[in-house]
Amino acid sequence: MPEKDLKTLLSELNEILDTTEELDPETRAMVVDLEADIDRLLDTEDEGMDFDTFREGAQSLQARFRTDYPMADRFLREIMDMLAKVGI
């Protein structure tokens, strides 16, 4: 999996969100959870990851971004596309 690419996209997503004045705490928490989940996905030792729960959370965040934060939505779409290409 292109770990560097995922980390770069997550970093860019955070940069955009850091410049967003009205980012609510719930959305910020969802992003933190997404990052933690991706770190777990990248950890080859962690076999207990629930991929369905991960996908549901990511899709929920993506729906929120699509509506409220269109610039951030692009980065999250790229992250999700990258994960889908490797079967996650």
PDB file of N, CA and C in Angstrom:
ATOM      1  N   MET A   1       0.858  -1.188   0.000  1.00  0.00           N
ATOM      2  CA  MET A   1       0.000   0.000   0.000  1.00  0.00           C
ATOM      3  C   MET A   1       0.893   1.236   0.000  1.00  0.00           C
ATOM      4  N   PRO A   2       0.537   2.221  -0.731  1.00  0.00           N
ATOM      5  CA  PRO A   2       1.349   3.435  -0.817  1.00  0.00           C
ATOM      6  C   PRO A   2       1.221   4.278   0.457  1.00  0.00           C
ATOM      7  N   GLU A   3       1.904   3.835   1.502  1.00  0.00           N
ATOM      8  CA  GLU A   3       1.792   4.493   2.814  1.00  0.00           C
ATOM      9  C   GLU A   3       2.170   5.961   2.749  1.00  0.00           C
ATOM     10  N   LYS A   4       3.235   6.277   2.013  1.00  0.00           N
ATOM     11  CA  LYS A   4       3.680   7.667   1.905  1.00  0.00           C
ATOM     12  C   LYS A   4       2.603   8.532   1.271  1.00  0.00           C
ATOM     13  N   ASP A   5       1.968   8.013   0.223  1.00  0.00           N
ATOM     14  CA  ASP A   5       0.904   8.772  -0.437  1.00  0.00           C
ATOM     15  C   ASP A   5      -0.265   9.020   0.510  1.00  0.00           C
ATOM     16  N   LEU A   6      -0.638   8.010   1.279  1.00  0.00           N
ATOM     17  CA  LEU A   6      -1.732   8.185   2.231  1.00  0.00           C
ATOM     18  C   LEU A   6      -1.371   9.229   3.282  1.00  0.00           C
ATOM     19  N   LYS A   7      -0.167   9.150   3.791  1.00  0.00           N
ATOM     20  CA  LYS A   7       0.278  10.116   4.803  1.00  0.00           C
ATOM     21  C   LYS A   7       0.303  11.531   4.227  1.00  0.00           C
ATOM     22  N   THR A   8       0.739  11.647   2.975  1.00  0.00           N
ATOM     23  CA  THR A   8       0.768  12.959   2.330  1.00  0.00           C
ATOM     24  C   THR A   8      -0.643  13.514   2.185  1.00  0.00           C
ATOM     25  N   LEU A   9      -1.571  12.684   1.723  1.00  0.00           N
ATOM     26  CA  LEU A   9      -2.958  13.139   1.577  1.00  0.00           C
ATOM     27  C   LEU A   9      -3.567  13.513   2.917  1.00  0.00           C
ATOM     28  N   LEU A  10      -3.290  12.726   3.946  1.00  0.00           N
ATOM     29  CA  LEU A  10      -3.803  13.063   5.279  1.00  0.00           C
ATOM     30  C   LEU A  10      -3.225  14.384   5.770  1.00  0.00           C
ATOM     31  N   SER A  11      -1.962  14.599   5.504  1.00  0.00           N
ATOM     32  CA  SER A  11      -1.322  15.853   5.895  1.00  0.00           C
ATOM     33  C   SER A  11      -1.964  17.035   5.168  1.00  0.00           C
ATOM     34  N   GLU A  12      -2.204  16.878   3.867  1.00  0.00           N
ATOM     35  CA  GLU A  12      -2.838  17.942   3.088  1.00  0.00           C
ATOM     36  C   GLU A  12      -4.269  18.183   3.558  1.00  0.00           C
ATOM     37  N   LEU A  13      -4.967  17.112   3.879  1.00  0.00           N
ATOM     38  CA  LEU A  13      -6.328  17.252   4.407  1.00  0.00           C
ATOM     39  C   LEU A  13      -6.309  18.060   5.697  1.00  0.00           C
ATOM     40  N   ASN A  14      -5.382  17.747   6.585  1.00  0.00           N
ATOM     41  CA  ASN A  14      -5.288  18.485   7.846  1.00  0.00           C
ATOM     42  C   ASN A  14      -4.921  19.943   7.639  1.00  0.00           C
ATOM     43  N   GLU A  15      -4.060  20.225   6.671  1.00  0.00           N
ATOM     44  CA  GLU A  15      -3.713  21.615   6.377  1.00  0.00           C
ATOM     45  C   GLU A  15      -4.943  22.398   5.948  1.00  0.00           C
ATOM     46  N   ILE A  16      -5.755  21.798   5.097  1.00  0.00           N
ATOM     47  CA  ILE A  16      -6.982  22.477   4.645  1.00  0.00           C
ATOM     48  C   ILE A  16      -7.922  22.699   5.831  1.00  0.00           C
ATOM     49  N   LEU A  17      -8.079  21.664   6.641  1.00  0.00           N
ATOM     50  CA  LEU A  17      -8.996  21.781   7.776  1.00  0.00           C
ATOM     51  C   LEU A  17      -8.493  22.786   8.812  1.00  0.00           C
ATOM     52  N   ASP A  18      -7.177  22.896   8.952  1.00  0.00           N
ATOM     53  CA  ASP A  18      -6.617  23.866   9.896  1.00  0.00           C
ATOM     54  C   ASP A  18      -6.904  25.297   9.480  1.00  0.00           C
ATOM     55  N   THR A  19      -7.097  25.522   8.187  1.00  0.00           N
ATOM     56  CA  THR A  19      -7.399  26.873   7.717  1.00  0.00           C
ATOM     57  C   THR A  19      -8.904  27.132   7.648  1.00  0.00           C
ATOM     58  N   THR A  20      -9.687  26.117   7.961  1.00  0.00           N
ATOM     59  CA  THR A  20     -11.141  26.262   7.955  1.00  0.00           C
ATOM     60  C   THR A  20     -11.579  26.839   9.289  1.00  0.00           C
ATOM     61  N   GLU A  21     -12.179  27.990   9.245  1.00  0.00           N
ATOM     62  CA  GLU A  21     -12.540  28.690  10.472  1.00  0.00           C
ATOM     63  C   GLU A  21     -13.674  28.025  11.238  1.00  0.00           C
ATOM     64  N   GLU A  22     -14.580  27.401  10.544  1.00  0.00           N
ATOM     65  CA  GLU A  22     -15.781  26.904  11.208  1.00  0.00           C
ATOM     66  C   GLU A  22     -15.825  25.382  11.290  1.00  0.00           C
ATOM     67  N   LEU A  23     -14.693  24.748  11.474  1.00  0.00           N
ATOM     68  CA  LEU A  23     -14.670  23.299  11.606  1.00  0.00           C
ATOM     69  C   LEU A  23     -15.192  22.929  12.998  1.00  0.00           C
ATOM     70  N   ASP A  24     -16.283  22.198  13.009  1.00  0.00           N
ATOM     71  CA  ASP A  24     -16.885  21.856  14.294  1.00  0.00           C
ATOM     72  C   ASP A  24     -16.105  20.719  14.967  1.00  0.00           C
ATOM     73  N   PRO A  25     -16.189  20.639  16.290  1.00  0.00           N
ATOM     74  CA  PRO A  25     -15.427  19.635  17.044  1.00  0.00           C
ATOM     75  C   PRO A  25     -15.763  18.191  16.651  1.00  0.00           C
ATOM     76  N   GLU A  26     -17.008  17.931  16.297  1.00  0.00           N
ATOM     77  CA  GLU A  26     -17.395  16.574  15.912  1.00  0.00           C
ATOM     78  C   GLU A  26     -16.682  16.148  14.622  1.00  0.00           C
ATOM     79  N   THR A  27     -16.613  17.057  13.652  1.00  0.00           N
ATOM     80  CA  THR A  27     -15.929  16.750  12.402  1.00  0.00           C
ATOM     81  C   THR A  27     -14.443  16.558  12.646  1.00  0.00           C
ATOM     82  N   ARG A  28     -13.846  17.402  13.469  1.00  0.00           N
ATOM     83  CA  ARG A  28     -12.422  17.263  13.802  1.00  0.00           C
ATOM     84  C   ARG A  28     -12.171  15.901  14.451  1.00  0.00           C
ATOM     85  N   ALA A  29     -13.056  15.491  15.354  1.00  0.00           N
ATOM     86  CA  ALA A  29     -12.911  14.188  16.011  1.00  0.00           C
ATOM     87  C   ALA A  29     -13.021  13.049  14.997  1.00  0.00           C
ATOM     88  N   MET A  30     -13.894  13.207  14.018  1.00  0.00           N
ATOM     89  CA  MET A  30     -14.038  12.180  12.978  1.00  0.00           C
ATOM     90  C   MET A  30     -12.762  12.059  12.149  1.00  0.00           C
ATOM     91  N   VAL A  31     -12.110  13.187  11.895  1.00  0.00           N
ATOM     92  CA  VAL A  31     -10.859  13.168  11.138  1.00  0.00           C
ATOM     93  C   VAL A  31      -9.765  12.476  11.955  1.00  0.00           C
ATOM     94  N   VAL A  32      -9.701  12.781  13.228  1.00  0.00           N
ATOM     95  CA  VAL A  32      -8.715  12.136  14.106  1.00  0.00           C
ATOM     96  C   VAL A  32      -8.951  10.632  14.131  1.00  0.00           C
ATOM     97  N   ASP A  33     -10.202  10.221  14.227  1.00  0.00           N
ATOM     98  CA  ASP A  33     -10.526   8.783  14.200  1.00  0.00           C
ATOM     99  C   ASP A  33     -10.128   8.150  12.873  1.00  0.00           C
ATOM    100  N   LEU A  34     -10.379   8.852  11.772  1.00  0.00           N
ATOM    101  CA  LEU A  34     -10.004   8.337  10.456  1.00  0.00           C
ATOM    102  C   LEU A  34      -8.496   8.132  10.370  1.00  0.00           C
ATOM    103  N   GLU A  35      -7.739   9.112  10.850  1.00  0.00           N
ATOM    104  CA  GLU A  35      -6.282   8.980  10.827  1.00  0.00           C
ATOM    105  C   GLU A  35      -5.820   7.784  11.649  1.00  0.00           C
ATOM    106  N   ALA A  36      -6.408   7.608  12.818  1.00  0.00           N
ATOM    107  CA  ALA A  36      -6.043   6.475  13.668  1.00  0.00           C
ATOM    108  C   ALA A  36      -6.384   5.155  12.979  1.00  0.00           C
ATOM    109  N   ASP A  37      -7.540   5.117  12.327  1.00  0.00           N
ATOM    110  CA  ASP A  37      -7.938   3.900  11.613  1.00  0.00           C
ATOM    111  C   ASP A  37      -6.989   3.602  10.453  1.00  0.00           C
ATOM    112  N   ILE A  38      -6.580   4.622   9.729  1.00  0.00           N
ATOM    113  CA  ILE A  38      -5.646   4.417   8.618  1.00  0.00           C
ATOM    114  C   ILE A  38      -4.299   3.941   9.146  1.00  0.00           C
ATOM    115  N   ASP A  39      -3.866   4.506  10.260  1.00  0.00           N
ATOM    116  CA  ASP A  39      -2.618   4.027  10.870  1.00  0.00           C
ATOM    117  C   ASP A  39      -2.727   2.551  11.219  1.00  0.00           C
ATOM    118  N   ARG A  40      -3.874   2.151  11.736  1.00  0.00           N
ATOM    119  CA  ARG A  40      -4.087   0.737  12.052  1.00  0.00           C
ATOM    120  C   ARG A  40      -4.097  -0.114  10.787  1.00  0.00           C
ATOM    121  N   LEU A  41      -4.684   0.408   9.718  1.00  0.00           N
ATOM    122  CA  LEU A  41      -4.696  -0.320   8.442  1.00  0.00           C
ATOM    123  C   LEU A  41      -3.280  -0.527   7.912  1.00  0.00           C
ATOM    124  N   LEU A  42      -2.447   0.466   8.113  1.00  0.00           N
ATOM    125  CA  LEU A  42      -1.082   0.393   7.625  1.00  0.00           C
ATOM    126  C   LEU A  42      -0.194  -0.494   8.500  1.00  0.00           C
ATOM    127  N   ASP A  43      -0.650  -0.739   9.713  1.00  0.00           N
ATOM    128  CA  ASP A  43       0.110  -1.576  10.639  1.00  0.00           C
ATOM    129  C   ASP A  43      -0.162  -3.043  10.303  1.00  0.00           C
ATOM    130  N   THR A  44       0.804  -3.690   9.724  1.00  0.00           N
ATOM    131  CA  THR A  44       0.603  -5.071   9.284  1.00  0.00           C
ATOM    132  C   THR A  44       0.402  -6.026  10.452  1.00  0.00           C
ATOM    133  N   GLU A  45       0.731  -5.590  11.659  1.00  0.00           N
ATOM    134  CA  GLU A  45       0.551  -6.434  12.836  1.00  0.00           C
ATOM    135  C   GLU A  45      -0.907  -6.443  13.313  1.00  0.00           C
ATOM    136  N   ASP A  46      -1.684  -5.440  12.949  1.00  0.00           N
ATOM    137  CA  ASP A  46      -3.055  -5.309  13.454  1.00  0.00           C
ATOM    138  C   ASP A  46      -4.017  -6.045  12.538  1.00  0.00           C
ATOM    139  N   GLU A  47      -4.420  -7.215  12.964  1.00  0.00           N
ATOM    140  CA  GLU A  47      -5.350  -8.009  12.166  1.00  0.00           C
ATOM    141  C   GLU A  47      -6.785  -7.901  12.673  1.00  0.00           C
ATOM    142  N   GLY A  48      -7.015  -7.099  13.703  1.00  0.00           N
ATOM    143  CA  GLY A  48      -8.342  -6.992  14.279  1.00  0.00           C
ATOM    144  C   GLY A  48      -9.153  -5.825  13.748  1.00  0.00           C
ATOM    145  N   MET A  49      -8.703  -5.221  12.680  1.00  0.00           N
ATOM    146  CA  MET A  49      -9.384  -4.051  12.123  1.00  0.00           C
ATOM    147  C   MET A  49     -10.720  -4.449  11.519  1.00  0.00           C
ATOM    148  N   ASP A  50     -11.751  -3.702  11.865  1.00  0.00           N
ATOM    149  CA  ASP A  50     -13.086  -3.930  11.315  1.00  0.00           C
ATOM    150  C   ASP A  50     -13.250  -3.018  10.098  1.00  0.00           C
ATOM    151  N   PHE A  51     -13.073  -3.579   8.907  1.00  0.00           N
ATOM    152  CA  PHE A  51     -13.091  -2.786   7.689  1.00  0.00           C
ATOM    153  C   PHE A  51     -14.459  -2.175   7.404  1.00  0.00           C
ATOM    154  N   ASP A  52     -15.529  -2.874   7.744  1.00  0.00           N
ATOM    155  CA  ASP A  52     -16.868  -2.333   7.503  1.00  0.00           C
ATOM    156  C   ASP A  52     -17.100  -1.079   8.337  1.00  0.00           C
ATOM    157  N   THR A  53     -16.703  -1.125   9.592  1.00  0.00           N
ATOM    158  CA  THR A  53     -16.854   0.035  10.470  1.00  0.00           C
ATOM    159  C   THR A  53     -15.997   1.191   9.964  1.00  0.00           C
ATOM    160  N   PHE A  54     -14.784   0.872   9.523  1.00  0.00           N
ATOM    161  CA  PHE A  54     -13.907   1.899   8.968  1.00  0.00           C
ATOM    162  C   PHE A  54     -14.564   2.571   7.767  1.00  0.00           C
ATOM    163  N   ARG A  55     -15.056   1.756   6.828  1.00  0.00           N
ATOM    164  CA  ARG A  55     -15.687   2.300   5.620  1.00  0.00           C
ATOM    165  C   ARG A  55     -16.902   3.161   5.962  1.00  0.00           C
ATOM    166  N   GLU A  56     -17.715   2.710   6.905  1.00  0.00           N
ATOM    167  CA  GLU A  56     -18.907   3.478   7.287  1.00  0.00           C
ATOM    168  C   GLU A  56     -18.520   4.837   7.854  1.00  0.00           C
ATOM    169  N   GLY A  57     -17.516   4.851   8.717  1.00  0.00           N
ATOM    170  CA  GLY A  57     -17.062   6.112   9.298  1.00  0.00           C
ATOM    171  C   GLY A  57     -16.486   7.040   8.251  1.00  0.00           C
ATOM    172  N   ALA A  58     -15.700   6.490   7.347  1.00  0.00           N
ATOM    173  CA  ALA A  58     -15.097   7.299   6.286  1.00  0.00           C
ATOM    174  C   ALA A  58     -16.167   7.845   5.343  1.00  0.00           C
ATOM    175  N   GLN A  59     -17.161   7.032   5.026  1.00  0.00           N
ATOM    176  CA  GLN A  59     -18.240   7.497   4.146  1.00  0.00           C
ATOM    177  C   GLN A  59     -19.077   8.574   4.824  1.00  0.00           C
ATOM    178  N   SER A  60     -19.279   8.451   6.117  1.00  0.00           N
ATOM    179  CA  SER A  60     -20.011   9.475   6.861  1.00  0.00           C
ATOM    180  C   SER A  60     -19.243  10.791   6.847  1.00  0.00           C
ATOM    181  N   LEU A  61     -17.942  10.711   7.060  1.00  0.00           N
ATOM    182  CA  LEU A  61     -17.110  11.904   7.027  1.00  0.00           C
ATOM    183  C   LEU A  61     -17.093  12.500   5.624  1.00  0.00           C
ATOM    184  N   GLN A  62     -17.038  11.654   4.620  1.00  0.00           N
ATOM    185  CA  GLN A  62     -17.032  12.134   3.246  1.00  0.00           C
ATOM    186  C   GLN A  62     -18.332  12.868   2.916  1.00  0.00           C
ATOM    187  N   ALA A  63     -19.451  12.360   3.391  1.00  0.00           N
ATOM    188  CA  ALA A  63     -20.733  13.031   3.149  1.00  0.00           C
ATOM    189  C   ALA A  63     -20.753  14.407   3.811  1.00  0.00           C
ATOM    190  N   ARG A  64     -20.193  14.491   4.996  1.00  0.00           N
ATOM    191  CA  ARG A  64     -20.130  15.773   5.704  1.00  0.00           C
ATOM    192  C   ARG A  64     -19.226  16.746   4.952  1.00  0.00           C
ATOM    193  N   PHE A  65     -18.090  16.262   4.484  1.00  0.00           N
ATOM    194  CA  PHE A  65     -17.169  17.122   3.744  1.00  0.00           C
ATOM    195  C   PHE A  65     -17.792  17.597   2.444  1.00  0.00           C
ATOM    196  N   ARG A  66     -18.480  16.706   1.759  1.00  0.00           N
ATOM    197  CA  ARG A  66     -19.093  17.061   0.477  1.00  0.00           C
ATOM    198  C   ARG A  66     -20.020  18.251   0.654  1.00  0.00           C
ATOM    199  N   THR A  67     -20.721  18.275   1.755  1.00  0.00           N
ATOM    200  CA  THR A  67     -21.684  19.334   2.021  1.00  0.00           C
ATOM    201  C   THR A  67     -21.030  20.591   2.593  1.00  0.00           C
ATOM    202  N   ASP A  68     -20.185  20.403   3.602  1.00  0.00           N
ATOM    203  CA  ASP A  68     -19.682  21.547   4.367  1.00  0.00           C
ATOM    204  C   ASP A  68     -18.262  21.997   4.029  1.00  0.00           C
ATOM    205  N   TYR A  69     -17.435  21.091   3.532  1.00  0.00           N
ATOM    206  CA  TYR A  69     -16.024  21.402   3.290  1.00  0.00           C
ATOM    207  C   TYR A  69     -15.570  20.823   1.950  1.00  0.00           C
ATOM    208  N   PRO A  70     -16.026  21.393   0.843  1.00  0.00           N
ATOM    209  CA  PRO A  70     -15.743  20.807  -0.471  1.00  0.00           C
ATOM    210  C   PRO A  70     -14.257  20.674  -0.794  1.00  0.00           C
ATOM    211  N   MET A  71     -13.420  21.585  -0.323  1.00  0.00           N
ATOM    212  CA  MET A  71     -11.980  21.461  -0.588  1.00  0.00           C
ATOM    213  C   MET A  71     -11.414  20.219   0.099  1.00  0.00           C
ATOM    214  N   ALA A  72     -11.846  19.955   1.300  1.00  0.00           N
ATOM    215  CA  ALA A  72     -11.360  18.786   2.035  1.00  0.00           C
ATOM    216  C   ALA A  72     -11.919  17.498   1.437  1.00  0.00           C
ATOM    217  N   ASP A  73     -13.085  17.578   0.842  1.00  0.00           N
ATOM    218  CA  ASP A  73     -13.717  16.401   0.249  1.00  0.00           C
ATOM    219  C   ASP A  73     -12.831  15.772  -0.816  1.00  0.00           C
ATOM    220  N   ARG A  74     -12.155  16.584  -1.587  1.00  0.00           N
ATOM    221  CA  ARG A  74     -11.290  16.069  -2.654  1.00  0.00           C
ATOM    222  C   ARG A  74     -10.196  15.168  -2.085  1.00  0.00           C
ATOM    223  N   PHE A  75      -9.576  15.582  -0.986  1.00  0.00           N
ATOM    224  CA  PHE A  75      -8.508  14.784  -0.386  1.00  0.00           C
ATOM    225  C   PHE A  75      -9.053  13.490   0.203  1.00  0.00           C
ATOM    226  N   LEU A  76     -10.203  13.567   0.834  1.00  0.00           N
ATOM    227  CA  LEU A  76     -10.785  12.356   1.408  1.00  0.00           C
ATOM    228  C   LEU A  76     -11.187  11.379   0.305  1.00  0.00           C
ATOM    229  N   ARG A  77     -11.699  11.884  -0.811  1.00  0.00           N
ATOM    230  CA  ARG A  77     -12.031  11.010  -1.951  1.00  0.00           C
ATOM    231  C   ARG A  77     -10.779  10.299  -2.465  1.00  0.00           C
ATOM    232  N   GLU A  78      -9.683  11.034  -2.557  1.00  0.00           N
ATOM    233  CA  GLU A  78      -8.433  10.423  -3.021  1.00  0.00           C
ATOM    234  C   GLU A  78      -7.960   9.339  -2.054  1.00  0.00           C
ATOM    235  N   ILE A  79      -8.090   9.592  -0.768  1.00  0.00           N
ATOM    236  CA  ILE A  79      -7.702   8.606   0.240  1.00  0.00           C
ATOM    237  C   ILE A  79      -8.563   7.357   0.096  1.00  0.00           C
ATOM    238  N   MET A  80      -9.862   7.547  -0.034  1.00  0.00           N
ATOM    239  CA  MET A  80     -10.772   6.416  -0.145  1.00  0.00           C
ATOM    240  C   MET A  80     -10.514   5.646  -1.445  1.00  0.00           C
ATOM    241  N   ASP A  81     -10.239   6.353  -2.527  1.00  0.00           N
ATOM    242  CA  ASP A  81      -9.928   5.684  -3.798  1.00  0.00           C
ATOM    243  C   ASP A  81      -8.661   4.844  -3.672  1.00  0.00           C
ATOM    244  N   MET A  82      -7.659   5.404  -3.020  1.00  0.00           N
ATOM    245  CA  MET A  82      -6.397   4.690  -2.840  1.00  0.00           C
ATOM    246  C   MET A  82      -6.607   3.409  -2.023  1.00  0.00           C
ATOM    247  N   LEU A  83      -7.399   3.508  -0.972  1.00  0.00           N
ATOM    248  CA  LEU A  83      -7.683   2.329  -0.138  1.00  0.00           C
ATOM    249  C   LEU A  83      -8.517   1.308  -0.902  1.00  0.00           C
ATOM    250  N   ALA A  84      -9.443   1.784  -1.721  1.00  0.00           N
ATOM    251  CA  ALA A  84     -10.282   0.859  -2.504  1.00  0.00           C
ATOM    252  C   ALA A  84      -9.433   0.084  -3.513  1.00  0.00           C
ATOM    253  N   LYS A  85      -8.422   0.710  -4.051  1.00  0.00           N
ATOM    254  CA  LYS A  85      -7.568   0.036  -5.038  1.00  0.00           C
ATOM    255  C   LYS A  85      -6.798  -1.137  -4.440  1.00  0.00           C
ATOM    256  N   VAL A  86      -6.597  -1.099  -3.120  1.00  0.00           N
ATOM    257  CA  VAL A  86      -5.900  -2.222  -2.477  1.00  0.00           C
ATOM    258  C   VAL A  86      -6.876  -3.139  -1.749  1.00  0.00           C
ATOM    259  N   GLY A  87      -8.164  -2.942  -2.018  1.00  0.00           N
ATOM    260  CA  GLY A  87      -9.165  -3.866  -1.486  1.00  0.00           C
ATOM    261  C   GLY A  87      -9.702  -3.539  -0.113  1.00  0.00           C
ATOM    262  N   ILE A  88      -9.566  -2.300   0.320  1.00  0.00           N
ATOM    263  CA  ILE A  88     -10.086  -1.921   1.649  1.00  0.00           C
ATOM    264  C   ILE A  88     -11.300  -1.043   1.465  1.00  0.00           C
TER     265      ILE A  88
END
